[in-house]
N, C-alpha and C. Protein backbone atom coordinates (compact mmCIF):
# COMPACT_ATOMS: atom_id res chain seq x y z
N MET A 1 -1.33 3.00 -4.50
CA MET A 1 0.01 2.53 -4.29
C MET A 1 0.99 3.65 -4.58
N GLY A 2 2.18 3.51 -4.06
CA GLY A 2 3.22 4.50 -4.27
C GLY A 2 4.46 4.10 -3.50
N LYS A 3 5.56 4.69 -3.88
CA LYS A 3 6.81 4.43 -3.18
C LYS A 3 6.70 4.89 -1.73
N SER A 4 7.59 4.37 -0.89
CA SER A 4 7.57 4.78 0.52
C SER A 4 7.76 6.29 0.61
N ALA A 5 7.05 6.90 1.55
CA ALA A 5 7.10 8.35 1.80
C ALA A 5 6.53 9.19 0.65
N SER A 6 5.70 8.58 -0.20
CA SER A 6 5.04 9.34 -1.26
C SER A 6 3.77 10.01 -0.74
N GLY A 7 3.37 9.66 0.47
CA GLY A 7 2.17 10.23 1.07
C GLY A 7 0.93 9.38 0.87
N LYS A 8 1.12 8.12 0.44
CA LYS A 8 -0.05 7.28 0.13
C LYS A 8 -0.92 7.01 1.35
N ASP A 9 -0.32 6.87 2.54
CA ASP A 9 -1.12 6.64 3.74
C ASP A 9 -1.98 7.86 4.06
N THR A 10 -1.42 9.04 3.90
CA THR A 10 -2.18 10.27 4.15
C THR A 10 -3.28 10.43 3.11
N VAL A 11 -2.97 10.18 1.85
CA VAL A 11 -3.97 10.25 0.79
C VAL A 11 -5.08 9.24 1.08
N TYR A 12 -4.71 8.05 1.49
CA TYR A 12 -5.67 7.00 1.83
C TYR A 12 -6.63 7.48 2.92
N ARG A 13 -6.07 8.03 4.01
CA ARG A 13 -6.90 8.51 5.13
C ARG A 13 -7.84 9.63 4.67
N GLU A 14 -7.35 10.54 3.85
CA GLU A 14 -8.18 11.64 3.37
C GLU A 14 -9.29 11.14 2.45
N LEU A 15 -8.98 10.18 1.60
CA LEU A 15 -10.01 9.61 0.73
C LEU A 15 -11.08 8.91 1.56
N ARG A 16 -10.69 8.20 2.58
CA ARG A 16 -11.65 7.53 3.45
C ARG A 16 -12.53 8.54 4.18
N ARG A 17 -11.94 9.67 4.55
CA ARG A 17 -12.72 10.72 5.23
C ARG A 17 -13.73 11.35 4.26
N LEU A 18 -13.27 11.64 3.04
CA LEU A 18 -14.14 12.26 2.04
C LEU A 18 -15.17 11.31 1.45
N MET A 19 -14.82 10.04 1.38
CA MET A 19 -15.66 9.04 0.74
C MET A 19 -15.89 7.86 1.68
N PRO A 20 -16.65 8.08 2.75
CA PRO A 20 -16.83 7.01 3.74
C PRO A 20 -17.52 5.77 3.18
N GLU A 21 -18.12 5.89 2.01
CA GLU A 21 -18.75 4.72 1.39
C GLU A 21 -17.71 3.71 0.91
N LEU A 22 -16.45 4.14 0.77
CA LEU A 22 -15.39 3.21 0.40
C LEU A 22 -14.99 2.40 1.63
N LYS A 23 -15.09 1.11 1.52
CA LYS A 23 -14.71 0.22 2.62
C LYS A 23 -13.18 0.13 2.64
N SER A 24 -12.62 -0.05 3.82
CA SER A 24 -11.17 -0.20 3.91
C SER A 24 -10.82 -1.68 4.06
N TYR A 25 -9.59 -2.00 3.73
CA TYR A 25 -9.06 -3.35 3.92
C TYR A 25 -7.78 -3.21 4.72
N VAL A 26 -7.62 -4.02 5.74
CA VAL A 26 -6.42 -4.01 6.57
C VAL A 26 -5.57 -5.20 6.17
N MET A 27 -4.37 -4.90 5.65
CA MET A 27 -3.44 -5.95 5.23
C MET A 27 -2.79 -6.64 6.43
N TYR A 28 -2.08 -7.70 6.13
CA TYR A 28 -1.33 -8.46 7.13
C TYR A 28 0.16 -8.18 6.94
N SER A 29 0.90 -8.11 8.04
CA SER A 29 2.34 -7.87 7.96
C SER A 29 3.05 -8.52 9.13
N THR A 30 4.28 -8.95 8.86
CA THR A 30 5.12 -9.50 9.92
C THR A 30 6.12 -8.46 10.43
N ARG A 31 6.08 -7.26 9.87
CA ARG A 31 7.05 -6.26 10.33
C ARG A 31 6.68 -5.76 11.71
N PRO A 32 7.66 -5.20 12.43
CA PRO A 32 7.36 -4.67 13.77
C PRO A 32 6.43 -3.46 13.67
N MET A 33 5.59 -3.31 14.68
CA MET A 33 4.67 -2.19 14.75
C MET A 33 5.46 -0.91 15.03
N ARG A 34 5.14 0.17 14.31
CA ARG A 34 5.77 1.46 14.54
C ARG A 34 5.03 2.23 15.63
N GLU A 35 5.70 3.24 16.13
CA GLU A 35 5.09 4.14 17.12
C GLU A 35 3.76 4.67 16.59
N GLY A 36 2.71 4.54 17.39
CA GLY A 36 1.41 5.08 17.01
C GLY A 36 0.53 4.15 16.18
N GLU A 37 1.06 3.03 15.73
CA GLU A 37 0.25 2.09 14.94
C GLU A 37 -0.55 1.19 15.87
N GLN A 38 -1.64 0.64 15.32
CA GLN A 38 -2.49 -0.26 16.10
C GLN A 38 -2.74 -1.54 15.32
N ASP A 39 -2.64 -2.66 16.01
CA ASP A 39 -2.94 -3.94 15.39
C ASP A 39 -4.41 -3.97 14.97
N GLY A 40 -4.66 -4.41 13.76
CA GLY A 40 -6.01 -4.48 13.25
C GLY A 40 -6.50 -3.18 12.63
N VAL A 41 -5.72 -2.13 12.77
CA VAL A 41 -6.07 -0.83 12.19
C VAL A 41 -5.07 -0.49 11.09
N THR A 42 -3.79 -0.42 11.46
CA THR A 42 -2.74 -0.14 10.48
C THR A 42 -2.49 -1.38 9.63
N TYR A 43 -2.23 -2.48 10.29
CA TYR A 43 -2.05 -3.81 9.71
C TYR A 43 -2.59 -4.82 10.72
N HIS A 44 -2.78 -6.03 10.26
CA HIS A 44 -2.90 -7.16 11.17
C HIS A 44 -1.47 -7.64 11.35
N PHE A 45 -0.89 -7.36 12.49
CA PHE A 45 0.50 -7.74 12.73
C PHE A 45 0.51 -9.20 13.17
N VAL A 46 1.17 -10.05 12.38
CA VAL A 46 1.21 -11.48 12.63
C VAL A 46 2.65 -11.97 12.57
N SER A 47 2.87 -13.14 13.12
CA SER A 47 4.19 -13.77 13.03
C SER A 47 4.32 -14.47 11.68
N GLU A 48 5.52 -14.83 11.31
CA GLU A 48 5.73 -15.59 10.07
C GLU A 48 4.98 -16.92 10.14
N GLU A 49 4.94 -17.52 11.34
CA GLU A 49 4.23 -18.79 11.51
C GLU A 49 2.73 -18.63 11.27
N GLU A 50 2.16 -17.57 11.82
CA GLU A 50 0.73 -17.32 11.62
C GLU A 50 0.41 -17.08 10.14
N LEU A 51 1.28 -16.34 9.47
CA LEU A 51 1.07 -16.09 8.04
C LEU A 51 1.21 -17.39 7.24
N SER A 52 2.14 -18.23 7.64
CA SER A 52 2.31 -19.53 6.98
C SER A 52 1.07 -20.40 7.15
N GLU A 53 0.47 -20.36 8.33
CA GLU A 53 -0.77 -21.12 8.56
C GLU A 53 -1.89 -20.64 7.65
N LEU A 54 -2.02 -19.31 7.50
CA LEU A 54 -3.04 -18.74 6.61
C LEU A 54 -2.80 -19.18 5.17
N GLU A 55 -1.54 -19.25 4.80
CA GLU A 55 -1.18 -19.68 3.45
C GLU A 55 -1.53 -21.16 3.24
N GLN A 56 -1.25 -22.00 4.24
CA GLN A 56 -1.57 -23.42 4.15
C GLN A 56 -3.08 -23.64 4.06
N GLU A 57 -3.86 -22.74 4.64
CA GLU A 57 -5.31 -22.82 4.57
C GLU A 57 -5.85 -22.32 3.23
N GLY A 58 -4.97 -21.81 2.36
CA GLY A 58 -5.39 -21.30 1.06
C GLY A 58 -6.06 -19.94 1.12
N ARG A 59 -5.78 -19.18 2.17
CA ARG A 59 -6.45 -17.89 2.37
C ARG A 59 -5.61 -16.70 1.93
N VAL A 60 -4.34 -16.92 1.55
CA VAL A 60 -3.47 -15.81 1.14
C VAL A 60 -3.70 -15.54 -0.34
N ILE A 61 -4.17 -14.34 -0.64
CA ILE A 61 -4.44 -13.92 -2.02
C ILE A 61 -3.14 -13.55 -2.71
N GLU A 62 -2.32 -12.79 -2.02
CA GLU A 62 -1.00 -12.42 -2.54
C GLU A 62 -0.11 -12.13 -1.35
N LYS A 63 1.20 -12.37 -1.55
CA LYS A 63 2.18 -12.18 -0.47
C LYS A 63 3.49 -11.75 -1.09
N ARG A 64 4.18 -10.87 -0.40
CA ARG A 64 5.50 -10.45 -0.86
C ARG A 64 6.42 -10.27 0.35
N VAL A 65 7.70 -10.35 0.11
CA VAL A 65 8.67 -10.22 1.20
C VAL A 65 9.67 -9.12 0.84
N TYR A 66 10.07 -8.39 1.87
CA TYR A 66 11.11 -7.38 1.74
C TYR A 66 12.24 -7.77 2.67
N HIS A 67 13.43 -7.86 2.14
CA HIS A 67 14.59 -8.24 2.92
C HIS A 67 15.21 -6.97 3.49
N THR A 68 14.78 -6.63 4.69
CA THR A 68 15.17 -5.37 5.33
C THR A 68 16.44 -5.55 6.13
N VAL A 69 16.99 -4.43 6.60
CA VAL A 69 18.17 -4.52 7.46
C VAL A 69 17.83 -5.13 8.81
N LEU A 70 16.55 -5.23 9.13
CA LEU A 70 16.10 -5.84 10.39
C LEU A 70 15.60 -7.26 10.20
N GLY A 71 15.77 -7.81 8.98
CA GLY A 71 15.29 -9.15 8.68
C GLY A 71 14.14 -9.11 7.68
N PRO A 72 13.62 -10.28 7.30
CA PRO A 72 12.54 -10.31 6.30
C PRO A 72 11.22 -9.83 6.88
N TRP A 73 10.51 -8.98 6.12
CA TRP A 73 9.18 -8.52 6.47
C TRP A 73 8.23 -8.96 5.38
N TYR A 74 7.18 -9.66 5.76
CA TYR A 74 6.18 -10.12 4.81
C TYR A 74 4.94 -9.23 4.89
N TYR A 75 4.35 -9.01 3.74
CA TYR A 75 3.07 -8.30 3.62
C TYR A 75 2.16 -9.18 2.80
N ALA A 76 0.88 -9.25 3.19
CA ALA A 76 -0.03 -10.14 2.47
C ALA A 76 -1.45 -9.60 2.49
N THR A 77 -2.18 -9.97 1.45
CA THR A 77 -3.62 -9.78 1.38
C THR A 77 -4.22 -11.14 1.66
N VAL A 78 -5.10 -11.19 2.65
CA VAL A 78 -5.66 -12.46 3.10
C VAL A 78 -7.18 -12.45 2.91
N ASP A 79 -7.70 -13.57 2.44
CA ASP A 79 -9.14 -13.74 2.31
C ASP A 79 -9.68 -14.06 3.70
N ASP A 80 -10.05 -13.01 4.42
CA ASP A 80 -10.50 -13.14 5.81
C ASP A 80 -11.90 -12.57 6.02
N GLY A 81 -12.63 -12.36 4.93
CA GLY A 81 -13.98 -11.81 5.04
C GLY A 81 -14.06 -10.32 4.77
N GLN A 82 -12.93 -9.63 4.78
CA GLN A 82 -12.94 -8.19 4.51
C GLN A 82 -13.28 -7.87 3.06
N LEU A 83 -13.02 -8.81 2.16
CA LEU A 83 -13.19 -8.56 0.72
C LEU A 83 -14.44 -9.20 0.15
N SER A 84 -15.34 -9.64 1.00
CA SER A 84 -16.56 -10.27 0.50
C SER A 84 -17.58 -9.21 0.12
N GLY A 85 -18.50 -9.56 -0.75
CA GLY A 85 -19.55 -8.63 -1.14
C GLY A 85 -19.16 -7.78 -2.34
N ASP A 86 -20.03 -6.84 -2.64
CA ASP A 86 -19.83 -5.99 -3.80
C ASP A 86 -19.42 -4.57 -3.43
N GLU A 87 -18.95 -4.36 -2.20
CA GLU A 87 -18.55 -3.02 -1.78
C GLU A 87 -17.33 -2.55 -2.56
N ASP A 88 -17.23 -1.24 -2.68
CA ASP A 88 -16.01 -0.65 -3.23
C ASP A 88 -15.00 -0.53 -2.10
N ILE A 89 -13.82 -1.09 -2.32
CA ILE A 89 -12.81 -1.17 -1.27
C ILE A 89 -11.58 -0.37 -1.68
N LEU A 90 -11.07 0.41 -0.75
CA LEU A 90 -9.84 1.16 -0.96
C LEU A 90 -8.76 0.47 -0.15
N MET A 91 -7.66 0.11 -0.80
CA MET A 91 -6.59 -0.57 -0.08
C MET A 91 -5.22 -0.17 -0.60
N LEU A 92 -4.22 -0.34 0.24
CA LEU A 92 -2.84 -0.04 -0.11
C LEU A 92 -2.16 -1.30 -0.61
N THR A 93 -1.34 -1.15 -1.65
CA THR A 93 -0.60 -2.30 -2.17
C THR A 93 0.60 -1.80 -2.98
N THR A 94 1.23 -2.68 -3.69
CA THR A 94 2.36 -2.39 -4.57
C THR A 94 2.03 -2.91 -5.96
N PRO A 95 2.85 -2.60 -6.97
CA PRO A 95 2.59 -3.20 -8.28
C PRO A 95 2.54 -4.73 -8.23
N GLU A 96 3.44 -5.33 -7.47
CA GLU A 96 3.45 -6.79 -7.33
C GLU A 96 2.16 -7.28 -6.67
N GLY A 97 1.76 -6.60 -5.60
CA GLY A 97 0.52 -6.95 -4.93
C GLY A 97 -0.69 -6.75 -5.81
N TYR A 98 -0.68 -5.69 -6.59
CA TYR A 98 -1.78 -5.38 -7.50
C TYR A 98 -1.95 -6.50 -8.54
N MET A 99 -0.81 -7.01 -9.04
CA MET A 99 -0.89 -8.11 -10.02
C MET A 99 -1.46 -9.36 -9.36
N GLY A 100 -1.12 -9.62 -8.11
CA GLY A 100 -1.70 -10.76 -7.39
C GLY A 100 -3.20 -10.59 -7.19
N LEU A 101 -3.62 -9.38 -6.87
CA LEU A 101 -5.06 -9.10 -6.72
C LEU A 101 -5.79 -9.26 -8.05
N ARG A 102 -5.17 -8.82 -9.14
CA ARG A 102 -5.79 -8.99 -10.46
C ARG A 102 -5.95 -10.46 -10.79
N SER A 103 -4.96 -11.26 -10.44
CA SER A 103 -5.05 -12.70 -10.70
C SER A 103 -6.20 -13.33 -9.92
N TRP A 104 -6.43 -12.87 -8.71
CA TRP A 104 -7.46 -13.43 -7.84
C TRP A 104 -8.85 -12.94 -8.25
N PHE A 105 -9.00 -11.62 -8.49
CA PHE A 105 -10.31 -11.02 -8.72
C PHE A 105 -10.64 -10.77 -10.19
N GLY A 106 -9.62 -10.67 -11.05
CA GLY A 106 -9.85 -10.32 -12.45
C GLY A 106 -9.66 -8.83 -12.68
N ASP A 107 -9.35 -8.47 -13.91
CA ASP A 107 -9.05 -7.07 -14.26
C ASP A 107 -10.23 -6.12 -14.08
N ASP A 108 -11.43 -6.59 -14.33
CA ASP A 108 -12.59 -5.71 -14.36
C ASP A 108 -13.05 -5.25 -12.97
N ARG A 109 -12.50 -5.81 -11.91
CA ARG A 109 -12.95 -5.44 -10.56
C ARG A 109 -11.98 -4.51 -9.85
N LEU A 110 -10.87 -4.17 -10.49
CA LEU A 110 -9.85 -3.35 -9.83
C LEU A 110 -9.59 -2.06 -10.59
N ARG A 111 -9.16 -1.04 -9.86
CA ARG A 111 -8.72 0.22 -10.46
C ARG A 111 -7.46 0.64 -9.71
N ASP A 112 -6.44 0.95 -10.46
CA ASP A 112 -5.18 1.36 -9.85
C ASP A 112 -5.19 2.86 -9.55
N ILE A 113 -4.50 3.23 -8.48
CA ILE A 113 -4.26 4.63 -8.11
C ILE A 113 -2.80 4.69 -7.68
N TYR A 114 -1.99 5.38 -8.48
CA TYR A 114 -0.56 5.45 -8.19
C TYR A 114 -0.20 6.87 -7.75
N ILE A 115 0.34 7.00 -6.53
CA ILE A 115 0.74 8.28 -5.95
C ILE A 115 2.24 8.44 -6.19
N GLU A 116 2.64 9.62 -6.69
CA GLU A 116 4.06 9.84 -6.93
C GLU A 116 4.48 11.25 -6.55
N ILE A 117 5.73 11.38 -6.17
CA ILE A 117 6.37 12.67 -5.91
C ILE A 117 7.82 12.54 -6.35
N PRO A 118 8.51 13.65 -6.58
CA PRO A 118 9.92 13.58 -6.96
C PRO A 118 10.74 12.87 -5.88
N ASP A 119 11.75 12.13 -6.31
CA ASP A 119 12.55 11.34 -5.37
C ASP A 119 13.19 12.17 -4.27
N GLY A 120 13.67 13.38 -4.57
CA GLY A 120 14.30 14.21 -3.54
C GLY A 120 13.33 14.54 -2.42
N GLU A 121 12.12 14.93 -2.78
CA GLU A 121 11.09 15.23 -1.78
C GLU A 121 10.73 13.98 -0.98
N ARG A 122 10.64 12.85 -1.66
CA ARG A 122 10.30 11.59 -1.02
C ARG A 122 11.36 11.20 0.02
N LEU A 123 12.62 11.35 -0.34
CA LEU A 123 13.71 11.02 0.58
C LEU A 123 13.68 11.93 1.81
N LEU A 124 13.45 13.22 1.60
CA LEU A 124 13.35 14.14 2.74
C LEU A 124 12.20 13.74 3.67
N ARG A 125 11.06 13.40 3.10
CA ARG A 125 9.91 12.98 3.91
C ARG A 125 10.23 11.72 4.70
N ALA A 126 10.92 10.78 4.06
CA ALA A 126 11.25 9.51 4.73
C ALA A 126 12.18 9.74 5.91
N VAL A 127 13.18 10.59 5.73
CA VAL A 127 14.13 10.86 6.81
C VAL A 127 13.41 11.58 7.95
N LYS A 128 12.57 12.56 7.63
CA LYS A 128 11.82 13.28 8.68
C LYS A 128 10.92 12.32 9.46
N ARG A 129 10.27 11.41 8.75
CA ARG A 129 9.40 10.44 9.43
C ARG A 129 10.22 9.54 10.34
N GLU A 130 11.36 9.08 9.85
CA GLU A 130 12.19 8.17 10.64
C GLU A 130 12.75 8.86 11.88
N MET A 131 12.99 10.15 11.79
CA MET A 131 13.49 10.91 12.94
C MET A 131 12.50 10.90 14.10
N GLN A 132 11.24 10.64 13.82
CA GLN A 132 10.20 10.62 14.86
C GLN A 132 10.19 9.30 15.63
N GLU A 133 10.84 8.28 15.10
CA GLU A 133 10.85 6.97 15.75
C GLU A 133 11.73 6.99 17.00
N ARG A 134 11.37 6.17 17.96
CA ARG A 134 12.15 6.07 19.20
C ARG A 134 13.57 5.60 18.87
N GLU A 135 13.68 4.62 17.97
CA GLU A 135 14.98 4.12 17.52
C GLU A 135 15.02 4.21 16.00
N PRO A 136 15.49 5.33 15.45
CA PRO A 136 15.52 5.47 13.99
C PRO A 136 16.44 4.44 13.34
N HIS A 137 16.00 3.93 12.18
CA HIS A 137 16.79 2.97 11.39
C HIS A 137 17.02 3.59 10.01
N TYR A 138 18.01 4.46 9.93
CA TYR A 138 18.27 5.19 8.70
C TYR A 138 18.76 4.26 7.58
N ALA A 139 19.44 3.19 7.94
CA ALA A 139 19.87 2.23 6.92
C ALA A 139 18.65 1.61 6.23
N GLU A 140 17.58 1.38 6.98
CA GLU A 140 16.35 0.84 6.40
C GLU A 140 15.68 1.86 5.49
N VAL A 141 15.73 3.13 5.85
CA VAL A 141 15.20 4.19 4.98
C VAL A 141 15.94 4.15 3.64
N CYS A 142 17.25 4.04 3.69
CA CYS A 142 18.06 4.00 2.46
C CYS A 142 17.74 2.74 1.64
N ARG A 143 17.62 1.59 2.32
CA ARG A 143 17.31 0.35 1.61
C ARG A 143 15.96 0.46 0.92
N ARG A 144 14.95 0.97 1.61
CA ARG A 144 13.62 1.10 1.03
C ARG A 144 13.63 2.07 -0.16
N PHE A 145 14.35 3.16 -0.02
CA PHE A 145 14.43 4.14 -1.09
C PHE A 145 14.98 3.48 -2.36
N LEU A 146 16.08 2.77 -2.22
CA LEU A 146 16.70 2.10 -3.37
C LEU A 146 15.84 0.96 -3.90
N SER A 147 15.24 0.19 -3.00
CA SER A 147 14.39 -0.92 -3.40
C SER A 147 13.16 -0.42 -4.17
N ASP A 148 12.60 0.71 -3.74
CA ASP A 148 11.44 1.26 -4.43
C ASP A 148 11.74 1.65 -5.86
N CYS A 149 12.99 2.08 -6.12
CA CYS A 149 13.37 2.43 -7.50
C CYS A 149 13.20 1.22 -8.42
N GLU A 150 13.45 0.03 -7.89
CA GLU A 150 13.27 -1.20 -8.68
C GLU A 150 11.81 -1.67 -8.64
N ASP A 151 11.23 -1.72 -7.45
CA ASP A 151 9.86 -2.24 -7.30
C ASP A 151 8.82 -1.40 -8.04
N PHE A 152 9.08 -0.11 -8.19
CA PHE A 152 8.15 0.81 -8.86
C PHE A 152 8.76 1.36 -10.15
N SER A 153 9.63 0.58 -10.78
CA SER A 153 10.23 1.02 -12.04
C SER A 153 9.15 1.18 -13.10
N GLU A 154 9.42 1.98 -14.10
CA GLU A 154 8.45 2.18 -15.18
C GLU A 154 8.08 0.85 -15.84
N GLU A 155 9.04 -0.07 -15.94
CA GLU A 155 8.76 -1.38 -16.53
C GLU A 155 7.76 -2.15 -15.68
N LYS A 156 7.95 -2.13 -14.36
CA LYS A 156 7.03 -2.87 -13.47
C LYS A 156 5.65 -2.20 -13.42
N LEU A 157 5.62 -0.88 -13.47
CA LEU A 157 4.33 -0.19 -13.51
C LEU A 157 3.58 -0.54 -14.79
N PHE A 158 4.30 -0.60 -15.90
CA PHE A 158 3.68 -0.97 -17.18
C PHE A 158 3.19 -2.41 -17.14
N GLU A 159 4.04 -3.31 -16.62
CA GLU A 159 3.69 -4.74 -16.53
C GLU A 159 2.43 -4.94 -15.67
N ALA A 160 2.31 -4.15 -14.61
CA ALA A 160 1.15 -4.28 -13.71
C ALA A 160 -0.09 -3.57 -14.27
N GLY A 161 0.08 -2.81 -15.35
CA GLY A 161 -1.06 -2.10 -15.94
C GLY A 161 -1.44 -0.85 -15.18
N ILE A 162 -0.47 -0.22 -14.53
CA ILE A 162 -0.73 0.99 -13.76
C ILE A 162 -0.84 2.18 -14.72
N SER A 163 -2.00 2.82 -14.71
CA SER A 163 -2.20 3.92 -15.66
C SER A 163 -2.79 5.18 -15.02
N HIS A 164 -3.24 5.11 -13.79
CA HIS A 164 -3.85 6.27 -13.13
C HIS A 164 -2.85 6.84 -12.13
N ARG A 165 -2.16 7.92 -12.54
CA ARG A 165 -1.07 8.48 -11.75
C ARG A 165 -1.45 9.86 -11.23
N TYR A 166 -1.06 10.11 -9.96
CA TYR A 166 -1.40 11.37 -9.31
C TYR A 166 -0.18 11.89 -8.57
N GLU A 167 0.18 13.14 -8.84
CA GLU A 167 1.31 13.75 -8.16
C GLU A 167 0.85 14.32 -6.82
N ASN A 168 1.57 14.01 -5.75
CA ASN A 168 1.17 14.40 -4.40
C ASN A 168 2.06 15.50 -3.83
N LEU A 169 2.21 16.59 -4.57
CA LEU A 169 2.95 17.72 -4.02
C LEU A 169 2.04 18.64 -3.21
N GLU A 170 0.75 18.64 -3.54
CA GLU A 170 -0.24 19.43 -2.79
C GLU A 170 -1.36 18.46 -2.45
N LEU A 171 -1.43 18.07 -1.18
CA LEU A 171 -2.30 17.00 -0.73
C LEU A 171 -3.75 17.20 -1.14
N GLU A 172 -4.31 18.35 -0.87
CA GLU A 172 -5.73 18.58 -1.14
C GLU A 172 -6.06 18.41 -2.62
N ALA A 173 -5.21 18.94 -3.49
CA ALA A 173 -5.45 18.82 -4.93
C ALA A 173 -5.32 17.37 -5.39
N CYS A 174 -4.36 16.66 -4.84
CA CYS A 174 -4.17 15.25 -5.18
C CYS A 174 -5.39 14.43 -4.77
N VAL A 175 -5.84 14.61 -3.55
CA VAL A 175 -6.99 13.86 -3.04
C VAL A 175 -8.24 14.19 -3.83
N ARG A 176 -8.44 15.46 -4.13
CA ARG A 176 -9.61 15.89 -4.90
C ARG A 176 -9.63 15.23 -6.29
N ALA A 177 -8.47 15.21 -6.95
CA ALA A 177 -8.38 14.60 -8.29
C ALA A 177 -8.70 13.11 -8.24
N ILE A 178 -8.19 12.42 -7.25
CA ILE A 178 -8.45 10.99 -7.11
C ILE A 178 -9.93 10.74 -6.83
N ALA A 179 -10.49 11.51 -5.90
CA ALA A 179 -11.91 11.35 -5.54
C ALA A 179 -12.80 11.58 -6.76
N GLU A 180 -12.49 12.60 -7.55
CA GLU A 180 -13.28 12.86 -8.76
C GLU A 180 -13.19 11.69 -9.74
N ASP A 181 -11.99 11.14 -9.91
CA ASP A 181 -11.82 10.03 -10.83
C ASP A 181 -12.53 8.77 -10.33
N ILE A 182 -12.53 8.54 -9.03
CA ILE A 182 -13.25 7.39 -8.47
C ILE A 182 -14.74 7.55 -8.73
N LYS A 183 -15.29 8.73 -8.51
CA LYS A 183 -16.71 8.98 -8.74
C LYS A 183 -17.06 8.77 -10.22
N LYS A 184 -16.22 9.26 -11.12
CA LYS A 184 -16.46 9.09 -12.56
C LYS A 184 -16.46 7.59 -12.92
N ALA A 185 -15.50 6.84 -12.37
CA ALA A 185 -15.41 5.41 -12.66
C ALA A 185 -16.64 4.65 -12.15
N LYS A 186 -17.14 5.06 -10.98
CA LYS A 186 -18.32 4.40 -10.41
C LYS A 186 -19.57 4.70 -11.22
N ASP A 187 -19.62 5.88 -11.86
CA ASP A 187 -20.78 6.28 -12.65
C ASP A 187 -20.84 5.57 -14.01
N ARG A 188 -19.75 4.95 -14.40
CA ARG A 188 -19.72 4.27 -15.71
C ARG A 188 -20.43 2.95 -15.67
């Protein structure tokens, strides 16, 4: 997990490449698909109605909403068969999502990985990424930046039990450190 534009998606992809034994989990989202994303790969892109149906079926493990400048966007972890078995799974989430996963699975089955970079670098990365969009929404970049300051506050990180932190200023070193720590944890 990490604030927007911290590089967590890139770290995730590199970890999956280095450690193919880690199974991936594809979350559900009601947000619009970005340029280059694929349904079922980046997210399972669903409507609010479809997500509500999954919730009524008791299949939503955790769900959160972000009130964006484009309207509400929901993100959820759904019990859809991806999380069955004893495989080690690498997934993206937030402190709030992590607490929901802990409630569902228990503390002993999860390990946190928090990616961080200085806010100035993060903001520059976010603006550069948004510039690549067909229709950039800079107001949403600003909203996410400010919202992340609250969602990933030191108090919320502490409350969620986040203790494994990695600085992502040099991608290869960050990925290597995380991979080594995952291997050590698996050997215990």
